[in-house]
Amino acid sequence: MKRLMLLGLLASGLVSAAPLNIVAAENFYGDVARQIGGEGVTVTSILSSPSQDPHLFEASPSTARAISGADIVVYSGIDYDPWMDKLLSASKNAKRRVLVVAALTGKKVGDNPHVWYDPATMPIYARALRTELIRRDPTHKGQYDANLKRFLAAMTTVSSKVASLRAKYAGTPVTASEPVFGYLSDALGFKMQNLRFQLSVMNEAEPSAVQTGAINDDLRSGKVKLFFYNTQVTDPLTEKLRSLAKQGGVSVVGVTETAPPGLTYVPWMLSQLKTIQAALAKK
């Protein structure tokens, strides 16, 4: 009798089943998972420190254990986090669902892998996650729907800020140490310079003398208005570029590949957009 009562309560949603276990390769995906899933999920984010170089990450046994026990795994894909493919292959689980965000957004290998900086990415991912959560836990559909609606409403503040900045500053020449901010720069309508140099740095290849000379000249002479600097990946070359930018009166805007501590996705994006707005207002 008690068993039948418990089953009835579970079906009605008055008693919760165990939370679904979500493992996200990067903390911004984990943050959105937490917002959409609410009390129905537990979330583990693997890359979570803005002082950590994501390109140097090496998976630990604890990371492998977390993935092996996950109900849902989320990662970026297109070679940004290739260690995830290896860990998933080493831990087969037919019941586990894997969301590859780049694939959800139609990106492919060779595209800029920093897909979370595209304003269109997180709404697509959030909807896909909501669908999977409802498939796994249909009794809490109302909760997941409400959480998605709340998140999408918050995302409109980002799109509105992008639109207002684009209206005022589209065509502004900018450059970067590597293409971390590329998608959001495109959304803002900026004219991004030195892409080949940035790709060389991102792929850990030595930029050519021509590429290095071009970005040096843009920064030293102030031909660009902003220099986007990846604060998580630094070396003598990128530090020299930062120095040249300051000498040329080019505003340096620090960007990160993971969300800073204490900031969820929307406030993180807004904080960077406000920094850009303040820098351009001085020009």
C-alpha atoms as a PDB file:
ATOM      1  CA  MET A   1       0.000   0.000   0.000  1.00  0.00           C
ATOM      2  CA  LYS A   2       2.779   2.451   0.936  1.00  0.00           C
ATOM      3  CA  ARG A   3       4.604   1.593  -2.285  1.00  0.00           C
ATOM      4  CA  LEU A   4       1.497   2.391  -4.347  1.00  0.00           C
ATOM      5  CA  MET A   5       1.071   5.702  -2.515  1.00  0.00           C
ATOM      6  CA  LEU A   6       4.706   6.653  -3.185  1.00  0.00           C
ATOM      7  CA  LEU A   7       4.373   5.801  -6.877  1.00  0.00           C
ATOM      8  CA  GLY A   8       1.272   7.946  -7.047  1.00  0.00           C
ATOM      9  CA  LEU A   9       3.043  10.883  -5.415  1.00  0.00           C
ATOM     10  CA  LEU A  10       5.966  10.549  -7.778  1.00  0.00           C
ATOM     11  CA  ALA A  11       3.629  10.559 -10.746  1.00  0.00           C
ATOM     12  CA  SER A  12       1.903  13.688  -9.455  1.00  0.00           C
ATOM     13  CA  GLY A  13       5.208  15.484  -8.912  1.00  0.00           C
ATOM     14  CA  LEU A  14       4.626  15.904  -5.156  1.00  0.00           C
ATOM     15  CA  VAL A  15       7.667  13.757  -4.396  1.00  0.00           C
ATOM     16  CA  SER A  16      10.798  14.305  -6.460  1.00  0.00           C
ATOM     17  CA  ALA A  17      12.862  11.540  -7.927  1.00  0.00           C
ATOM     18  CA  ALA A  18      16.624  11.783  -7.530  1.00  0.00           C
ATOM     19  CA  PRO A  19      17.983  14.867  -9.340  1.00  0.00           C
ATOM     20  CA  LEU A  20      19.427  14.276 -12.775  1.00  0.00           C
ATOM     21  CA  ASN A  21      23.215  14.433 -12.793  1.00  0.00           C
ATOM     22  CA  ILE A  22      24.616  16.852 -15.393  1.00  0.00           C
ATOM     23  CA  VAL A  23      28.331  17.231 -16.132  1.00  0.00           C
ATOM     24  CA  ALA A  24      29.367  20.254 -18.187  1.00  0.00           C
ATOM     25  CA  ALA A  25      32.827  20.620 -19.668  1.00  0.00           C
ATOM     26  CA  GLU A  26      32.745  24.405 -19.165  1.00  0.00           C
ATOM     27  CA  ASN A  27      31.163  26.395 -16.357  1.00  0.00           C
ATOM     28  CA  PHE A  28      28.970  28.615 -18.549  1.00  0.00           C
ATOM     29  CA  TYR A  29      27.180  25.520 -19.870  1.00  0.00           C
ATOM     30  CA  GLY A  30      26.918  24.252 -16.306  1.00  0.00           C
ATOM     31  CA  ASP A  31      25.457  27.580 -15.194  1.00  0.00           C
ATOM     32  CA  VAL A  32      22.720  27.452 -17.827  1.00  0.00           C
ATOM     33  CA  ALA A  33      22.025  23.815 -16.937  1.00  0.00           C
ATOM     34  CA  ARG A  34      21.554  24.852 -13.323  1.00  0.00           C
ATOM     35  CA  GLN A  35      19.191  27.665 -14.346  1.00  0.00           C
ATOM     36  CA  ILE A  36      17.062  25.431 -16.585  1.00  0.00           C
ATOM     37  CA  GLY A  37      17.117  22.355 -14.355  1.00  0.00           C
ATOM     38  CA  GLY A  38      16.654  24.080 -11.004  1.00  0.00           C
ATOM     39  CA  GLU A  39      16.067  21.620  -8.184  1.00  0.00           C
ATOM     40  CA  GLY A  40      15.694  18.797 -10.667  1.00  0.00           C
ATOM     41  CA  VAL A  41      19.429  18.602 -11.392  1.00  0.00           C
ATOM     42  CA  THR A  42      22.839  18.494  -9.827  1.00  0.00           C
ATOM     43  CA  VAL A  43      25.561  20.081 -11.962  1.00  0.00           C
ATOM     44  CA  THR A  44      29.310  19.577 -12.095  1.00  0.00           C
ATOM     45  CA  SER A  45      31.402  21.971 -14.211  1.00  0.00           C
ATOM     46  CA  ILE A  46      34.881  20.778 -15.105  1.00  0.00           C
ATOM     47  CA  LEU A  47      36.535  23.970 -16.380  1.00  0.00           C
ATOM     48  CA  SER A  48      35.562  26.720 -13.961  1.00  0.00           C
ATOM     49  CA  SER A  49      38.556  28.917 -13.193  1.00  0.00           C
ATOM     50  CA  PRO A  50      39.317  32.064 -15.256  1.00  0.00           C
ATOM     51  CA  SER A  51      42.965  31.715 -14.247  1.00  0.00           C
ATOM     52  CA  GLN A  52      43.175  28.302 -15.924  1.00  0.00           C
ATOM     53  CA  ASP A  53      44.360  27.919 -19.521  1.00  0.00           C
ATOM     54  CA  PRO A  54      41.696  25.634 -21.076  1.00  0.00           C
ATOM     55  CA  HIS A  55      44.181  24.483 -23.722  1.00  0.00           C
ATOM     56  CA  LEU A  56      46.441  22.996 -21.045  1.00  0.00           C
ATOM     57  CA  PHE A  57      43.704  21.071 -19.237  1.00  0.00           C
ATOM     58  CA  GLU A  58      44.356  17.421 -18.464  1.00  0.00           C
ATOM     59  CA  ALA A  59      41.502  15.249 -17.240  1.00  0.00           C
ATOM     60  CA  SER A  60      41.916  13.660 -13.810  1.00  0.00           C
ATOM     61  CA  PRO A  61      40.487  10.352 -12.532  1.00  0.00           C
ATOM     62  CA  SER A  62      37.804  12.341 -10.672  1.00  0.00           C
ATOM     63  CA  THR A  63      36.746  13.943 -13.957  1.00  0.00           C
ATOM     64  CA  ALA A  64      36.445  10.512 -15.561  1.00  0.00           C
ATOM     65  CA  ARG A  65      34.351   9.268 -12.630  1.00  0.00           C
ATOM     66  CA  ALA A  66      32.026  12.273 -12.843  1.00  0.00           C
ATOM     67  CA  ILE A  67      31.406  11.654 -16.540  1.00  0.00           C
ATOM     68  CA  SER A  68      30.868   7.927 -16.066  1.00  0.00           C
ATOM     69  CA  GLY A  69      28.076   8.641 -13.592  1.00  0.00           C
ATOM     70  CA  ALA A  70      26.387  11.453 -15.520  1.00  0.00           C
ATOM     71  CA  ASP A  71      22.865  11.329 -16.916  1.00  0.00           C
ATOM     72  CA  ILE A  72      23.597  14.243 -19.257  1.00  0.00           C
ATOM     73  CA  VAL A  73      26.977  15.495 -20.488  1.00  0.00           C
ATOM     74  CA  VAL A  74      27.422  18.877 -22.163  1.00  0.00           C
ATOM     75  CA  TYR A  75      30.481  20.113 -23.992  1.00  0.00           C
ATOM     76  CA  SER A  76      31.420  22.590 -26.700  1.00  0.00           C
ATOM     77  CA  GLY A  77      32.828  20.375 -29.458  1.00  0.00           C
ATOM     78  CA  ILE A  78      34.678  21.180 -32.720  1.00  0.00           C
ATOM     79  CA  ASP A  79      38.025  20.501 -31.044  1.00  0.00           C
ATOM     80  CA  TYR A  80      37.664  23.032 -28.230  1.00  0.00           C
ATOM     81  CA  ASP A  81      37.491  20.288 -25.584  1.00  0.00           C
ATOM     82  CA  PRO A  82      38.741  17.123 -27.357  1.00  0.00           C
ATOM     83  CA  TRP A  83      39.472  15.442 -24.029  1.00  0.00           C
ATOM     84  CA  MET A  84      35.716  14.994 -23.609  1.00  0.00           C
ATOM     85  CA  ASP A  85      35.557  12.705 -26.636  1.00  0.00           C
ATOM     86  CA  LYS A  86      38.259  10.517 -25.125  1.00  0.00           C
ATOM     87  CA  LEU A  87      36.576  10.334 -21.727  1.00  0.00           C
ATOM     88  CA  LEU A  88      33.187   9.509 -23.218  1.00  0.00           C
ATOM     89  CA  SER A  89      34.703   6.802 -25.417  1.00  0.00           C
ATOM     90  CA  ALA A  90      36.398   5.267 -22.374  1.00  0.00           C
ATOM     91  CA  SER A  91      33.152   5.199 -20.395  1.00  0.00           C
ATOM     92  CA  LYS A  92      30.328   3.789 -22.502  1.00  0.00           C
ATOM     93  CA  ASN A  93      26.813   4.376 -21.179  1.00  0.00           C
ATOM     94  CA  ALA A  94      23.811   3.757 -23.413  1.00  0.00           C
ATOM     95  CA  LYS A  95      21.491   5.746 -21.109  1.00  0.00           C
ATOM     96  CA  ARG A  96      23.677   8.843 -21.016  1.00  0.00           C
ATOM     97  CA  ARG A  97      22.669  11.746 -23.249  1.00  0.00           C
ATOM     98  CA  VAL A  98      25.415  13.931 -24.722  1.00  0.00           C
ATOM     99  CA  LEU A  99      24.753  17.494 -25.906  1.00  0.00           C
ATOM    100  CA  VAL A 100      27.478  18.921 -28.153  1.00  0.00           C
ATOM    101  CA  VAL A 101      26.709  22.620 -28.305  1.00  0.00           C
ATOM    102  CA  ALA A 102      28.604  23.344 -31.518  1.00  0.00           C
ATOM    103  CA  ALA A 103      26.624  20.619 -33.276  1.00  0.00           C
ATOM    104  CA  LEU A 104      23.348  22.014 -31.925  1.00  0.00           C
ATOM    105  CA  THR A 105      24.188  25.371 -33.521  1.00  0.00           C
ATOM    106  CA  GLY A 106      25.349  23.949 -36.842  1.00  0.00           C
ATOM    107  CA  LYS A 107      29.032  24.735 -36.344  1.00  0.00           C
ATOM    108  CA  LYS A 108      31.676  22.415 -37.780  1.00  0.00           C
ATOM    109  CA  VAL A 109      35.379  21.709 -37.347  1.00  0.00           C
ATOM    110  CA  GLY A 110      37.331  24.652 -38.716  1.00  0.00           C
ATOM    111  CA  ASP A 111      34.835  27.228 -37.439  1.00  0.00           C
ATOM    112  CA  ASN A 112      35.719  29.449 -34.504  1.00  0.00           C
ATOM    113  CA  PRO A 113      35.294  27.047 -31.546  1.00  0.00           C
ATOM    114  CA  HIS A 114      34.329  29.744 -29.014  1.00  0.00           C
ATOM    115  CA  VAL A 115      30.644  29.268 -29.826  1.00  0.00           C
ATOM    116  CA  TRP A 116      29.282  30.491 -26.471  1.00  0.00           C
ATOM    117  CA  TYR A 117      30.197  34.052 -27.479  1.00  0.00           C
ATOM    118  CA  ASP A 118      27.625  33.869 -30.276  1.00  0.00           C
ATOM    119  CA  PRO A 119      24.428  35.448 -28.860  1.00  0.00           C
ATOM    120  CA  ALA A 120      22.361  32.789 -30.648  1.00  0.00           C
ATOM    121  CA  THR A 121      24.096  29.828 -28.992  1.00  0.00           C
ATOM    122  CA  MET A 122      22.821  29.750 -25.428  1.00  0.00           C
ATOM    123  CA  PRO A 123      19.107  29.966 -26.290  1.00  0.00           C
ATOM    124  CA  ILE A 124      19.549  27.009 -28.666  1.00  0.00           C
ATOM    125  CA  TYR A 125      21.404  25.013 -26.023  1.00  0.00           C
ATOM    126  CA  ALA A 126      18.908  25.944 -23.292  1.00  0.00           C
ATOM    127  CA  ARG A 127      15.971  24.741 -25.407  1.00  0.00           C
ATOM    128  CA  ALA A 128      17.724  21.467 -26.244  1.00  0.00           C
ATOM    129  CA  LEU A 129      18.507  20.873 -22.572  1.00  0.00           C
ATOM    130  CA  ARG A 130      14.924  21.625 -21.547  1.00  0.00           C
ATOM    131  CA  THR A 131      13.696  19.061 -24.092  1.00  0.00           C
ATOM    132  CA  GLU A 132      16.044  16.420 -22.696  1.00  0.00           C
ATOM    133  CA  LEU A 133      15.104  17.187 -19.084  1.00  0.00           C
ATOM    134  CA  ILE A 134      11.406  16.789 -19.889  1.00  0.00           C
ATOM    135  CA  ARG A 135      12.099  13.505 -21.675  1.00  0.00           C
ATOM    136  CA  ARG A 136      13.878  12.231 -18.574  1.00  0.00           C
ATOM    137  CA  ASP A 137      11.590  13.826 -16.006  1.00  0.00           C
ATOM    138  CA  PRO A 138       8.174  14.660 -17.523  1.00  0.00           C
ATOM    139  CA  THR A 139       6.531  15.251 -14.125  1.00  0.00           C
ATOM    140  CA  HIS A 140       8.486  18.527 -13.800  1.00  0.00           C
ATOM    141  CA  LYS A 141       7.767  19.835 -17.288  1.00  0.00           C
ATOM    142  CA  GLY A 142       6.106  22.954 -15.901  1.00  0.00           C
ATOM    143  CA  GLN A 143       9.189  23.792 -13.848  1.00  0.00           C
ATOM    144  CA  TYR A 144      11.553  23.322 -16.780  1.00  0.00           C
ATOM    145  CA  ASP A 145       9.329  25.367 -19.081  1.00  0.00           C
ATOM    146  CA  ALA A 146       9.158  28.214 -16.572  1.00  0.00           C
ATOM    147  CA  ASN A 147      12.918  28.158 -16.027  1.00  0.00           C
ATOM    148  CA  LEU A 148      13.556  28.259 -19.775  1.00  0.00           C
ATOM    149  CA  LYS A 149      11.172  31.181 -20.194  1.00  0.00           C
ATOM    150  CA  ARG A 150      12.959  33.068 -17.412  1.00  0.00           C
ATOM    151  CA  PHE A 151      16.375  32.423 -18.954  1.00  0.00           C
ATOM    152  CA  LEU A 152      15.303  33.475 -22.445  1.00  0.00           C
ATOM    153  CA  ALA A 153      13.853  36.678 -20.999  1.00  0.00           C
ATOM    154  CA  ALA A 154      17.201  37.414 -19.358  1.00  0.00           C
ATOM    155  CA  MET A 155      18.965  36.772 -22.671  1.00  0.00           C
ATOM    156  CA  THR A 156      16.969  39.591 -24.267  1.00  0.00           C
ATOM    157  CA  THR A 157      18.984  42.044 -22.171  1.00  0.00           C
ATOM    158  CA  VAL A 158      22.100  40.804 -23.956  1.00  0.00           C
ATOM    159  CA  SER A 159      20.568  41.017 -27.419  1.00  0.00           C
ATOM    160  CA  SER A 160      19.228  44.500 -26.666  1.00  0.00           C
ATOM    161  CA  LYS A 161      22.646  45.679 -25.506  1.00  0.00           C
ATOM    162  CA  VAL A 162      24.283  44.207 -28.596  1.00  0.00           C
ATOM    163  CA  ALA A 163      21.765  45.938 -30.840  1.00  0.00           C
ATOM    164  CA  SER A 164      22.277  49.330 -29.208  1.00  0.00           C
ATOM    165  CA  LEU A 165      26.075  49.088 -29.442  1.00  0.00           C
ATOM    166  CA  ARG A 166      25.919  47.890 -33.028  1.00  0.00           C
ATOM    167  CA  ALA A 167      23.722  50.833 -33.994  1.00  0.00           C
ATOM    168  CA  LYS A 168      26.357  53.229 -32.670  1.00  0.00           C
ATOM    169  CA  TYR A 169      29.670  51.497 -33.308  1.00  0.00           C
ATOM    170  CA  ALA A 170      29.263  49.142 -36.290  1.00  0.00           C
ATOM    171  CA  GLY A 171      32.334  49.276 -38.530  1.00  0.00           C
ATOM    172  CA  THR A 172      34.734  50.076 -35.693  1.00  0.00           C
ATOM    173  CA  PRO A 173      38.160  48.528 -36.468  1.00  0.00           C
ATOM    174  CA  VAL A 174      39.340  46.166 -33.710  1.00  0.00           C
ATOM    175  CA  THR A 175      41.824  43.344 -33.267  1.00  0.00           C
ATOM    176  CA  ALA A 176      42.575  40.566 -30.785  1.00  0.00           C
ATOM    177  CA  SER A 177      45.265  38.250 -29.483  1.00  0.00           C
ATOM    178  CA  GLU A 178      43.085  35.282 -30.537  1.00  0.00           C
ATOM    179  CA  PRO A 179      39.485  34.834 -31.702  1.00  0.00           C
ATOM    180  CA  VAL A 180      37.835  34.192 -28.323  1.00  0.00           C
ATOM    181  CA  PHE A 181      35.498  37.176 -28.713  1.00  0.00           C
ATOM    182  CA  GLY A 182      35.011  36.700 -32.455  1.00  0.00           C
ATOM    183  CA  TYR A 183      31.314  35.826 -32.600  1.00  0.00           C
ATOM    184  CA  LEU A 184      30.269  38.659 -30.317  1.00  0.00           C
ATOM    185  CA  SER A 185      32.527  41.055 -32.221  1.00  0.00           C
ATOM    186  CA  ASP A 186      30.709  40.049 -35.411  1.00  0.00           C
ATOM    187  CA  ALA A 187      27.336  40.550 -33.734  1.00  0.00           C
ATOM    188  CA  LEU A 188      28.440  44.059 -32.746  1.00  0.00           C
ATOM    189  CA  GLY A 189      29.367  44.798 -36.340  1.00  0.00           C
ATOM    190  CA  PHE A 190      33.029  45.450 -35.588  1.00  0.00           C
ATOM    191  CA  LYS A 191      35.620  45.182 -38.336  1.00  0.00           C
ATOM    192  CA  MET A 192      37.970  42.529 -36.977  1.00  0.00           C
ATOM    193  CA  GLN A 193      41.588  42.756 -38.183  1.00  0.00           C
ATOM    194  CA  ASN A 194      44.457  40.237 -38.130  1.00  0.00           C
ATOM    195  CA  LEU A 195      42.369  37.056 -38.155  1.00  0.00           C
ATOM    196  CA  ARG A 196      45.207  34.911 -39.494  1.00  0.00           C
ATOM    197  CA  PHE A 197      47.439  36.024 -36.643  1.00  0.00           C
ATOM    198  CA  GLN A 198      44.709  35.165 -34.135  1.00  0.00           C
ATOM    199  CA  LEU A 199      44.174  31.710 -35.608  1.00  0.00           C
ATOM    200  CA  SER A 200      47.895  30.993 -35.425  1.00  0.00           C
ATOM    201  CA  VAL A 201      47.956  31.909 -31.727  1.00  0.00           C
ATOM    202  CA  MET A 202      44.812  29.867 -31.016  1.00  0.00           C
ATOM    203  CA  ASN A 203      46.270  26.814 -32.752  1.00  0.00           C
ATOM    204  CA  GLU A 204      49.595  27.238 -30.923  1.00  0.00           C
ATOM    205  CA  ALA A 205      51.419  27.857 -34.195  1.00  0.00           C
ATOM    206  CA  GLU A 206      54.067  30.492 -34.732  1.00  0.00           C
ATOM    207  CA  PRO A 207      52.522  33.519 -36.501  1.00  0.00           C
ATOM    208  CA  SER A 208      54.379  34.531 -39.641  1.00  0.00           C
ATOM    209  CA  ALA A 209      56.526  37.642 -39.714  1.00  0.00           C
ATOM    210  CA  VAL A 210      53.965  39.291 -41.983  1.00  0.00           C
ATOM    211  CA  GLN A 211      51.101  38.490 -39.595  1.00  0.00           C
ATOM    212  CA  THR A 212      53.044  39.732 -36.585  1.00  0.00           C
ATOM    213  CA  GLY A 213      54.153  42.872 -38.374  1.00  0.00           C
ATOM    214  CA  ALA A 214      50.586  43.715 -39.393  1.00  0.00           C
ATOM    215  CA  ILE A 215      49.131  43.476 -35.908  1.00  0.00           C
ATOM    216  CA  ASN A 216      52.104  45.311 -34.423  1.00  0.00           C
ATOM    217  CA  ASP A 217      51.518  48.164 -36.859  1.00  0.00           C
ATOM    218  CA  ASP A 218      47.765  48.285 -36.174  1.00  0.00           C
ATOM    219  CA  LEU A 219      48.375  48.554 -32.440  1.00  0.00           C
ATOM    220  CA  ARG A 220      51.396  50.845 -32.477  1.00  0.00           C
ATOM    221  CA  SER A 221      49.760  53.319 -34.851  1.00  0.00           C
ATOM    222  CA  GLY A 222      46.301  53.195 -33.270  1.00  0.00           C
ATOM    223  CA  LYS A 223      44.619  52.031 -36.499  1.00  0.00           C
ATOM    224  CA  VAL A 224      42.288  49.918 -34.362  1.00  0.00           C
ATOM    225  CA  LYS A 225      40.181  51.181 -31.475  1.00  0.00           C
ATOM    226  CA  LEU A 226      40.065  48.061 -29.293  1.00  0.00           C
ATOM    227  CA  PHE A 227      42.396  45.163 -28.566  1.00  0.00           C
ATOM    228  CA  PHE A 228      40.652  42.065 -27.190  1.00  0.00           C
ATOM    229  CA  TYR A 229      43.069  40.239 -24.954  1.00  0.00           C
ATOM    230  CA  ASN A 230      42.510  36.675 -23.717  1.00  0.00           C
ATOM    231  CA  THR A 231      43.553  36.910 -20.087  1.00  0.00           C
ATOM    232  CA  GLN A 232      43.610  33.115 -19.689  1.00  0.00           C
ATOM    233  CA  VAL A 233      46.179  32.455 -22.411  1.00  0.00           C
ATOM    234  CA  THR A 234      49.248  34.651 -22.124  1.00  0.00           C
ATOM    235  CA  ASP A 235      52.823  34.431 -23.350  1.00  0.00           C
ATOM    236  CA  PRO A 236      55.612  36.912 -24.181  1.00  0.00           C
ATOM    237  CA  LEU A 237      54.151  37.569 -27.638  1.00  0.00           C
ATOM    238  CA  THR A 238      50.662  38.463 -26.432  1.00  0.00           C
ATOM    239  CA  GLU A 239      52.109  40.505 -23.557  1.00  0.00           C
ATOM    240  CA  LYS A 240      54.103  42.501 -26.107  1.00  0.00           C
ATOM    241  CA  LEU A 241      50.910  43.151 -28.074  1.00  0.00           C
ATOM    242  CA  ARG A 242      49.207  44.396 -24.939  1.00  0.00           C
ATOM    243  CA  SER A 243      52.095  46.800 -24.359  1.00  0.00           C
ATOM    244  CA  LEU A 244      51.964  48.036 -27.962  1.00  0.00           C
ATOM    245  CA  ALA A 245      48.232  48.659 -27.638  1.00  0.00           C
ATOM    246  CA  LYS A 246      48.756  50.860 -24.618  1.00  0.00           C
ATOM    247  CA  GLN A 247      51.541  52.746 -26.393  1.00  0.00           C
ATOM    248  CA  GLY A 248      49.272  53.341 -29.388  1.00  0.00           C
ATOM    249  CA  GLY A 249      46.335  54.516 -27.291  1.00  0.00           C
ATOM    250  CA  VAL A 250      44.295  51.410 -28.139  1.00  0.00           C
ATOM    251  CA  SER A 251      41.902  50.340 -25.383  1.00  0.00           C
ATOM    252  CA  VAL A 252      42.653  46.860 -24.059  1.00  0.00           C
ATOM    253  CA  VAL A 253      39.568  44.788 -23.252  1.00  0.00           C
ATOM    254  CA  GLY A 254      40.275  41.622 -21.284  1.00  0.00           C
ATOM    255  CA  VAL A 255      38.077  38.634 -22.116  1.00  0.00           C
ATOM    256  CA  THR A 256      37.981  35.159 -20.602  1.00  0.00           C
ATOM    257  CA  GLU A 257      37.133  31.704 -21.885  1.00  0.00           C
ATOM    258  CA  THR A 258      35.315  30.698 -18.708  1.00  0.00           C
ATOM    259  CA  ALA A 259      32.879  32.723 -16.637  1.00  0.00           C
ATOM    260  CA  PRO A 260      34.457  34.579 -13.689  1.00  0.00           C
ATOM    261  CA  PRO A 261      33.554  33.408 -10.167  1.00  0.00           C
ATOM    262  CA  GLY A 262      30.175  34.638  -9.011  1.00  0.00           C
ATOM    263  CA  LEU A 263      28.878  35.589 -12.464  1.00  0.00           C
ATOM    264  CA  THR A 264      26.236  33.642 -14.340  1.00  0.00           C
ATOM    265  CA  TYR A 265      26.185  33.742 -18.126  1.00  0.00           C
ATOM    266  CA  VAL A 266      24.030  36.827 -18.759  1.00  0.00           C
ATOM    267  CA  PRO A 267      25.777  39.123 -16.240  1.00  0.00           C
ATOM    268  CA  TRP A 268      29.130  37.912 -17.607  1.00  0.00           C
ATOM    269  CA  MET A 269      28.211  38.888 -21.154  1.00  0.00           C
ATOM    270  CA  LEU A 270      26.704  42.202 -20.031  1.00  0.00           C
ATOM    271  CA  SER A 271      29.798  43.099 -18.016  1.00  0.00           C
ATOM    272  CA  GLN A 272      31.997  42.673 -21.081  1.00  0.00           C
ATOM    273  CA  LEU A 273      29.613  44.655 -23.271  1.00  0.00           C
ATOM    274  CA  LYS A 274      29.580  47.480 -20.725  1.00  0.00           C
ATOM    275  CA  THR A 275      33.393  47.472 -20.657  1.00  0.00           C
ATOM    276  CA  ILE A 276      33.405  47.824 -24.455  1.00  0.00           C
ATOM    277  CA  GLN A 277      30.847  50.614 -24.307  1.00  0.00           C
ATOM    278  CA  ALA A 278      32.919  52.522 -21.755  1.00  0.00           C
ATOM    279  CA  ALA A 279      36.115  52.086 -23.797  1.00  0.00           C
ATOM    280  CA  LEU A 280      34.531  53.280 -27.047  1.00  0.00           C
ATOM    281  CA  ALA A 281      32.851  56.229 -25.347  1.00  0.00           C
ATOM    282  CA  LYS A 282      36.337  57.613 -24.650  1.00  0.00           C
ATOM    283  CA  LYS A 283      37.376  57.508 -28.318  1.00  0.00           C
END
